[in-house]
Amino acid sequence: LHRMAKSKAYLFRGVEIRWECDPSLVKDETPAEDVLKFPGGLLDFLKSEIGKTTTVTEREFSGRTENKDAKGNSRGGAVEWAVTWAPGRDPFTRTYCNTIPTSQGGTHEQGLRNALVKSLRGHGERTNNRKTSLITADDVMDSACAVLSVFIREPEFQGQTKDKLSSAEAQKLVESVVRDHFDHWLAESPAEADRLLGFAIEKAEDRLKKRQEKETKRQ
């Protein structure tokens, strides 16, 4: 219940949830009292998870946008994300749709993966890095710690437990929004962009080396 309340607090930035529990019922790390409020939304959550872990880039890649028409009225779509790369800890990608946790990911997560790898490849091509073609989404996400939340109308899920999102519009929305923002993020700091690209290329080379070693053993 505490984890659920905490997730609602960072999915709805600015909301304050006051938690109280009889201390005699607590048998793990759950606090007896807590004030859950995250003005920074998903970025606040990501920073609390990462702590002082060393990251590939100094800046986290984060943002939030709402799908609005020309008059500024909401069309019912919103995307919020926070991503960093921390080789020193286990990677994770936590996704939500309309505050429902989607532990098995789905179309929104695929949109995020597509956006990150396409933008990073684009940066590599602009800087004439010949190894750019080696990287895949798996290389980019290898050490990524990411949180993604989408709000869409009438979402479709696989199965009754709603663990995986299947709405095609979610992939298109996330990929379009995140790629546009990531392109700008990379352009703002070429040095960090080069560092992240180099890191992804190292992952790609390591992956290809391991695959070659396996093929050699089979022969």
C-alpha atoms as a PDB file:
ATOM      1  CA  LEU A   1       0.000   0.000   0.000  1.00  0.00           C
ATOM      2  CA  HIS A   2       2.844   2.376   0.803  1.00  0.00           C
ATOM      3  CA  ARG A   3       4.541   1.649  -2.527  1.00  0.00           C
ATOM      4  CA  MET A   4       1.258   2.228  -4.338  1.00  0.00           C
ATOM      5  CA  ALA A   5       0.664   5.523  -2.513  1.00  0.00           C
ATOM      6  CA  LYS A   6       4.218   6.607  -3.303  1.00  0.00           C
ATOM      7  CA  SER A   7       3.780   5.829  -6.995  1.00  0.00           C
ATOM      8  CA  LYS A   8       0.573   7.878  -7.115  1.00  0.00           C
ATOM      9  CA  ALA A   9       2.395  10.806  -5.517  1.00  0.00           C
ATOM     10  CA  TYR A  10       5.128  10.965  -8.145  1.00  0.00           C
ATOM     11  CA  LEU A  11       2.760  10.196 -11.041  1.00  0.00           C
ATOM     12  CA  PHE A  12       0.668  13.203  -9.969  1.00  0.00           C
ATOM     13  CA  ARG A  13       3.387  15.780  -9.284  1.00  0.00           C
ATOM     14  CA  GLY A  14       2.418  18.261  -6.568  1.00  0.00           C
ATOM     15  CA  VAL A  15      -0.079  15.965  -4.843  1.00  0.00           C
ATOM     16  CA  GLU A  16       0.652  15.409  -1.136  1.00  0.00           C
ATOM     17  CA  ILE A  17      -0.252  12.077   0.444  1.00  0.00           C
ATOM     18  CA  ARG A  18       0.098  11.673   4.200  1.00  0.00           C
ATOM     19  CA  TRP A  19       0.756   8.102   5.228  1.00  0.00           C
ATOM     20  CA  GLU A  20       0.169   6.656   8.694  1.00  0.00           C
ATOM     21  CA  CYS A  21       0.363   3.025   9.783  1.00  0.00           C
ATOM     22  CA  ASP A  22       0.205   1.308  13.168  1.00  0.00           C
ATOM     23  CA  PRO A  23       3.888   0.588  13.986  1.00  0.00           C
ATOM     24  CA  SER A  24       2.959  -2.875  15.267  1.00  0.00           C
ATOM     25  CA  LEU A  25       1.906  -3.852  11.732  1.00  0.00           C
ATOM     26  CA  VAL A  26       5.189  -2.872  10.103  1.00  0.00           C
ATOM     27  CA  LYS A  27       7.448  -5.884   9.463  1.00  0.00           C
ATOM     28  CA  ASP A  28       9.748  -4.495   6.760  1.00  0.00           C
ATOM     29  CA  GLU A  29      11.185  -1.118   5.683  1.00  0.00           C
ATOM     30  CA  THR A  30       7.730   0.484   5.381  1.00  0.00           C
ATOM     31  CA  PRO A  31       7.618   3.673   7.501  1.00  0.00           C
ATOM     32  CA  ALA A  32       4.965   4.156  10.159  1.00  0.00           C
ATOM     33  CA  GLU A  33       4.544   7.774   9.055  1.00  0.00           C
ATOM     34  CA  ASP A  34       5.476   9.470   5.819  1.00  0.00           C
ATOM     35  CA  VAL A  35       4.665  12.532   3.706  1.00  0.00           C
ATOM     36  CA  LEU A  36       4.699  11.664   0.027  1.00  0.00           C
ATOM     37  CA  LYS A  37       5.124  14.680  -2.234  1.00  0.00           C
ATOM     38  CA  PHE A  38       7.225  14.950  -5.391  1.00  0.00           C
ATOM     39  CA  PRO A  39       7.022  18.388  -7.075  1.00  0.00           C
ATOM     40  CA  GLY A  40       9.472  17.172  -9.726  1.00  0.00           C
ATOM     41  CA  GLY A  41       7.365  14.154 -10.617  1.00  0.00           C
ATOM     42  CA  LEU A  42       9.196  11.222 -12.183  1.00  0.00           C
ATOM     43  CA  LEU A  43      12.554  12.999 -12.065  1.00  0.00           C
ATOM     44  CA  ASP A  44      12.293  13.204  -8.266  1.00  0.00           C
ATOM     45  CA  PHE A  45      11.606   9.481  -8.160  1.00  0.00           C
ATOM     46  CA  LEU A  46      14.521   8.663 -10.466  1.00  0.00           C
ATOM     47  CA  LYS A  47      16.935  10.727  -8.384  1.00  0.00           C
ATOM     48  CA  SER A  48      15.795   8.990  -5.193  1.00  0.00           C
ATOM     49  CA  GLU A  49      16.369   5.589  -6.828  1.00  0.00           C
ATOM     50  CA  ILE A  50      19.786   6.462  -8.248  1.00  0.00           C
ATOM     51  CA  GLY A  51      21.130   8.256  -5.196  1.00  0.00           C
ATOM     52  CA  LYS A  52      24.852   8.957  -5.549  1.00  0.00           C
ATOM     53  CA  THR A  53      25.473   6.303  -8.195  1.00  0.00           C
ATOM     54  CA  THR A  54      27.860   7.499 -10.906  1.00  0.00           C
ATOM     55  CA  THR A  55      26.093   8.132 -14.212  1.00  0.00           C
ATOM     56  CA  VAL A  56      27.340   8.376 -17.803  1.00  0.00           C
ATOM     57  CA  THR A  57      25.989  11.911 -18.207  1.00  0.00           C
ATOM     58  CA  GLU A  58      25.755  14.648 -15.601  1.00  0.00           C
ATOM     59  CA  ARG A  59      22.210  15.577 -16.639  1.00  0.00           C
ATOM     60  CA  GLU A  60      19.213  13.317 -16.482  1.00  0.00           C
ATOM     61  CA  PHE A  61      17.016  13.279 -19.571  1.00  0.00           C
ATOM     62  CA  SER A  62      13.537  14.144 -18.385  1.00  0.00           C
ATOM     63  CA  GLY A  63      10.435  16.005 -19.459  1.00  0.00           C
ATOM     64  CA  ARG A  64       6.686  16.163 -19.573  1.00  0.00           C
ATOM     65  CA  THR A  65       4.304  17.188 -22.314  1.00  0.00           C
ATOM     66  CA  GLU A  66       0.565  17.227 -22.891  1.00  0.00           C
ATOM     67  CA  ASN A  67      -1.095  16.625 -26.235  1.00  0.00           C
ATOM     68  CA  LYS A  68      -2.981  19.854 -26.971  1.00  0.00           C
ATOM     69  CA  ASP A  69      -4.755  21.305 -29.958  1.00  0.00           C
ATOM     70  CA  ALA A  70      -4.104  24.709 -31.566  1.00  0.00           C
ATOM     71  CA  LYS A  71      -6.283  26.458 -28.945  1.00  0.00           C
ATOM     72  CA  GLY A  72      -4.364  24.926 -26.060  1.00  0.00           C
ATOM     73  CA  ASN A  73      -7.082  22.469 -25.067  1.00  0.00           C
ATOM     74  CA  SER A  74      -6.009  19.015 -23.936  1.00  0.00           C
ATOM     75  CA  ARG A  75      -6.586  16.172 -26.368  1.00  0.00           C
ATOM     76  CA  GLY A  76      -6.349  13.648 -23.561  1.00  0.00           C
ATOM     77  CA  GLY A  77      -2.759  12.558 -24.110  1.00  0.00           C
ATOM     78  CA  ALA A  78       0.244  13.200 -21.854  1.00  0.00           C
ATOM     79  CA  VAL A  79       3.748  11.773 -21.593  1.00  0.00           C
ATOM     80  CA  GLU A  80       6.282  12.134 -18.772  1.00  0.00           C
ATOM     81  CA  TRP A  81       9.679  10.489 -18.603  1.00  0.00           C
ATOM     82  CA  ALA A  82      12.980  10.475 -16.718  1.00  0.00           C
ATOM     83  CA  VAL A  83      16.043   8.545 -17.896  1.00  0.00           C
ATOM     84  CA  THR A  84      19.690   8.259 -16.887  1.00  0.00           C
ATOM     85  CA  TRP A  85      22.471   5.768 -17.493  1.00  0.00           C
ATOM     86  CA  ALA A  86      24.091   4.220 -14.417  1.00  0.00           C
ATOM     87  CA  PRO A  87      26.518   1.355 -15.200  1.00  0.00           C
ATOM     88  CA  GLY A  88      27.201   0.739 -11.498  1.00  0.00           C
ATOM     89  CA  ARG A  89      23.732  -0.574 -10.661  1.00  0.00           C
ATOM     90  CA  ASP A  90      21.050  -2.853 -12.065  1.00  0.00           C
ATOM     91  CA  PRO A  91      19.126  -1.187 -14.909  1.00  0.00           C
ATOM     92  CA  PHE A  92      15.348  -0.839 -14.760  1.00  0.00           C
ATOM     93  CA  THR A  93      12.462   0.515 -16.818  1.00  0.00           C
ATOM     94  CA  ARG A  94       9.237   1.216 -14.951  1.00  0.00           C
ATOM     95  CA  THR A  95       6.230   2.156 -17.002  1.00  0.00           C
ATOM     96  CA  TYR A  96       2.699   3.316 -16.243  1.00  0.00           C
ATOM     97  CA  CYS A  97      -0.442   4.003 -18.238  1.00  0.00           C
ATOM     98  CA  ASN A  98      -3.095   6.182 -16.597  1.00  0.00           C
ATOM     99  CA  THR A  99      -1.229   5.461 -13.289  1.00  0.00           C
ATOM    100  CA  ILE A 100      -1.620   1.685 -13.810  1.00  0.00           C
ATOM    101  CA  PRO A 101       1.794  -0.038 -13.454  1.00  0.00           C
ATOM    102  CA  THR A 102       2.636  -2.015 -16.600  1.00  0.00           C
ATOM    103  CA  SER A 103       5.292  -4.402 -15.314  1.00  0.00           C
ATOM    104  CA  GLN A 104       5.621  -6.109 -18.703  1.00  0.00           C
ATOM    105  CA  GLY A 105       5.965  -2.839 -20.611  1.00  0.00           C
ATOM    106  CA  GLY A 106       4.209  -2.673 -23.939  1.00  0.00           C
ATOM    107  CA  THR A 107       3.767  -0.182 -26.738  1.00  0.00           C
ATOM    108  CA  HIS A 108       4.661   2.904 -24.665  1.00  0.00           C
ATOM    109  CA  GLU A 109       7.958   1.327 -23.602  1.00  0.00           C
ATOM    110  CA  GLN A 110       8.700   0.371 -27.210  1.00  0.00           C
ATOM    111  CA  GLY A 111       8.103   3.991 -28.196  1.00  0.00           C
ATOM    112  CA  LEU A 112      10.654   5.109 -25.604  1.00  0.00           C
ATOM    113  CA  ARG A 113      13.255   2.587 -26.807  1.00  0.00           C
ATOM    114  CA  ASN A 114      12.736   3.572 -30.436  1.00  0.00           C
ATOM    115  CA  ALA A 115      13.028   7.279 -29.671  1.00  0.00           C
ATOM    116  CA  LEU A 116      16.265   6.964 -27.695  1.00  0.00           C
ATOM    117  CA  VAL A 117      18.101   4.786 -30.212  1.00  0.00           C
ATOM    118  CA  LYS A 118      16.948   6.798 -33.249  1.00  0.00           C
ATOM    119  CA  SER A 119      18.000  10.099 -31.695  1.00  0.00           C
ATOM    120  CA  LEU A 120      21.371   8.746 -30.588  1.00  0.00           C
ATOM    121  CA  ARG A 121      21.999   7.255 -34.031  1.00  0.00           C
ATOM    122  CA  GLY A 122      21.058  10.588 -35.559  1.00  0.00           C
ATOM    123  CA  HIS A 123      23.636  12.325 -33.401  1.00  0.00           C
ATOM    124  CA  GLY A 124      26.277   9.786 -34.416  1.00  0.00           C
ATOM    125  CA  GLU A 125      25.534  10.267 -38.090  1.00  0.00           C
ATOM    126  CA  ARG A 126      25.735  14.050 -37.765  1.00  0.00           C
ATOM    127  CA  THR A 127      29.159  13.741 -36.121  1.00  0.00           C
ATOM    128  CA  ASN A 128      30.329  11.195 -38.718  1.00  0.00           C
ATOM    129  CA  ASN A 129      30.944   8.442 -36.174  1.00  0.00           C
ATOM    130  CA  ARG A 130      31.323   5.352 -38.351  1.00  0.00           C
ATOM    131  CA  LYS A 131      30.453   2.946 -35.543  1.00  0.00           C
ATOM    132  CA  THR A 132      27.019   4.446 -35.007  1.00  0.00           C
ATOM    133  CA  SER A 133      25.336   1.777 -37.136  1.00  0.00           C
ATOM    134  CA  LEU A 134      26.404  -0.887 -34.629  1.00  0.00           C
ATOM    135  CA  ILE A 135      24.105   0.246 -31.814  1.00  0.00           C
ATOM    136  CA  THR A 136      20.666  -1.180 -31.159  1.00  0.00           C
ATOM    137  CA  ALA A 137      17.959  -0.266 -28.654  1.00  0.00           C
ATOM    138  CA  ASP A 138      19.264  -3.024 -26.355  1.00  0.00           C
ATOM    139  CA  ASP A 139      22.692  -1.359 -26.276  1.00  0.00           C
ATOM    140  CA  VAL A 140      21.155   2.010 -25.418  1.00  0.00           C
ATOM    141  CA  MET A 141      18.961   0.527 -22.673  1.00  0.00           C
ATOM    142  CA  ASP A 142      21.675  -1.787 -21.286  1.00  0.00           C
ATOM    143  CA  SER A 143      22.506   0.440 -18.298  1.00  0.00           C
ATOM    144  CA  ALA A 144      19.498   2.731 -18.457  1.00  0.00           C
ATOM    145  CA  CYS A 145      17.339   3.556 -15.472  1.00  0.00           C
ATOM    146  CA  ALA A 146      14.055   4.850 -16.827  1.00  0.00           C
ATOM    147  CA  VAL A 147      10.584   5.797 -15.660  1.00  0.00           C
ATOM    148  CA  LEU A 148       7.776   6.463 -18.134  1.00  0.00           C
ATOM    149  CA  SER A 149       4.166   7.505 -17.633  1.00  0.00           C
ATOM    150  CA  VAL A 150       1.496   8.018 -20.277  1.00  0.00           C
ATOM    151  CA  PHE A 151      -2.084   9.193 -20.053  1.00  0.00           C
ATOM    152  CA  ILE A 152      -4.270   8.219 -23.017  1.00  0.00           C
ATOM    153  CA  ARG A 153      -7.954   7.755 -23.631  1.00  0.00           C
ATOM    154  CA  GLU A 154      -9.381   4.232 -23.726  1.00  0.00           C
ATOM    155  CA  PRO A 155      -6.093   2.320 -23.380  1.00  0.00           C
ATOM    156  CA  GLU A 156      -5.904  -1.311 -24.453  1.00  0.00           C
ATOM    157  CA  PHE A 157      -4.075  -3.912 -22.385  1.00  0.00           C
ATOM    158  CA  GLN A 158      -3.071  -7.523 -22.861  1.00  0.00           C
ATOM    159  CA  GLY A 159      -4.736  -9.796 -20.305  1.00  0.00           C
ATOM    160  CA  GLN A 160      -6.955  -9.022 -17.341  1.00  0.00           C
ATOM    161  CA  THR A 161      -4.104  -7.963 -15.065  1.00  0.00           C
ATOM    162  CA  LYS A 162      -3.212  -5.026 -17.357  1.00  0.00           C
ATOM    163  CA  ASP A 163       0.520  -5.755 -17.062  1.00  0.00           C
ATOM    164  CA  LYS A 164       1.221  -4.896 -20.710  1.00  0.00           C
ATOM    165  CA  LEU A 165      -0.058  -1.987 -22.795  1.00  0.00           C
ATOM    166  CA  SER A 166      -1.066  -2.775 -26.384  1.00  0.00           C
ATOM    167  CA  SER A 167      -2.448   0.584 -27.617  1.00  0.00           C
ATOM    168  CA  ALA A 168      -0.769   1.487 -30.917  1.00  0.00           C
ATOM    169  CA  GLU A 169      -1.337   5.206 -30.328  1.00  0.00           C
ATOM    170  CA  ALA A 170       0.813   5.051 -27.185  1.00  0.00           C
ATOM    171  CA  GLN A 171       3.874   3.964 -29.157  1.00  0.00           C
ATOM    172  CA  LYS A 172       3.411   6.703 -31.753  1.00  0.00           C
ATOM    173  CA  LEU A 173       2.800   9.367 -29.095  1.00  0.00           C
ATOM    174  CA  VAL A 174       5.777   8.437 -26.909  1.00  0.00           C
ATOM    175  CA  GLU A 175       8.194   7.948 -29.803  1.00  0.00           C
ATOM    176  CA  SER A 176       7.295  11.284 -31.394  1.00  0.00           C
ATOM    177  CA  VAL A 177       7.411  13.309 -28.185  1.00  0.00           C
ATOM    178  CA  VAL A 178      10.492  11.735 -26.624  1.00  0.00           C
ATOM    179  CA  ARG A 179      12.526  11.740 -29.835  1.00  0.00           C
ATOM    180  CA  ASP A 180      11.916  15.438 -30.398  1.00  0.00           C
ATOM    181  CA  HIS A 181      12.993  16.277 -26.844  1.00  0.00           C
ATOM    182  CA  PHE A 182      15.982  13.903 -26.910  1.00  0.00           C
ATOM    183  CA  ASP A 183      17.233  15.461 -30.158  1.00  0.00           C
ATOM    184  CA  HIS A 184      17.266  18.843 -28.401  1.00  0.00           C
ATOM    185  CA  TRP A 185      18.798  17.369 -25.237  1.00  0.00           C
ATOM    186  CA  LEU A 186      21.688  15.866 -27.219  1.00  0.00           C
ATOM    187  CA  ALA A 187      22.219  19.078 -29.200  1.00  0.00           C
ATOM    188  CA  GLU A 188      22.397  21.195 -26.036  1.00  0.00           C
ATOM    189  CA  SER A 189      25.495  19.362 -24.783  1.00  0.00           C
ATOM    190  CA  PRO A 190      27.571  17.784 -27.576  1.00  0.00           C
ATOM    191  CA  ALA A 191      30.223  16.580 -25.128  1.00  0.00           C
ATOM    192  CA  GLU A 192      27.696  14.599 -23.085  1.00  0.00           C
ATOM    193  CA  ALA A 193      26.041  13.371 -26.266  1.00  0.00           C
ATOM    194  CA  ASP A 194      29.398  12.058 -27.504  1.00  0.00           C
ATOM    195  CA  ARG A 195      30.018  10.400 -24.146  1.00  0.00           C
ATOM    196  CA  LEU A 196      26.658   8.644 -24.228  1.00  0.00           C
ATOM    197  CA  LEU A 197      27.145   7.582 -27.852  1.00  0.00           C
ATOM    198  CA  GLY A 198      30.588   6.198 -27.033  1.00  0.00           C
ATOM    199  CA  PHE A 199      29.127   4.281 -24.106  1.00  0.00           C
ATOM    200  CA  ALA A 200      26.431   2.731 -26.335  1.00  0.00           C
ATOM    201  CA  ILE A 201      29.034   1.812 -28.964  1.00  0.00           C
ATOM    202  CA  GLU A 202      31.134   0.061 -26.302  1.00  0.00           C
ATOM    203  CA  LYS A 203      28.058  -1.972 -25.333  1.00  0.00           C
ATOM    204  CA  ALA A 204      27.437  -2.833 -28.985  1.00  0.00           C
ATOM    205  CA  GLU A 205      31.040  -3.933 -29.541  1.00  0.00           C
ATOM    206  CA  ASP A 206      30.960  -6.049 -26.401  1.00  0.00           C
ATOM    207  CA  ARG A 207      27.693  -7.669 -27.531  1.00  0.00           C
ATOM    208  CA  LEU A 208      29.106  -8.457 -30.974  1.00  0.00           C
ATOM    209  CA  LYS A 209      32.320  -9.820 -29.467  1.00  0.00           C
ATOM    210  CA  LYS A 210      30.398 -12.202 -27.211  1.00  0.00           C
ATOM    211  CA  ARG A 211      28.257 -13.364 -30.122  1.00  0.00           C
ATOM    212  CA  GLN A 212      31.357 -14.036 -32.196  1.00  0.00           C
ATOM    213  CA  GLU A 213      32.915 -16.023 -29.348  1.00  0.00           C
ATOM    214  CA  LYS A 214      29.785 -18.175 -29.083  1.00  0.00           C
ATOM    215  CA  GLU A 215      29.798 -18.842 -32.823  1.00  0.00           C
ATOM    216  CA  THR A 216      33.472 -19.795 -32.671  1.00  0.00           C
ATOM    217  CA  LYS A 217      32.806 -22.298 -29.875  1.00  0.00           C
ATOM    218  CA  ARG A 218      29.989 -23.903 -31.852  1.00  0.00           C
ATOM    219  CA  GLN A 219      32.327 -24.447 -34.792  1.00  0.00           C
END
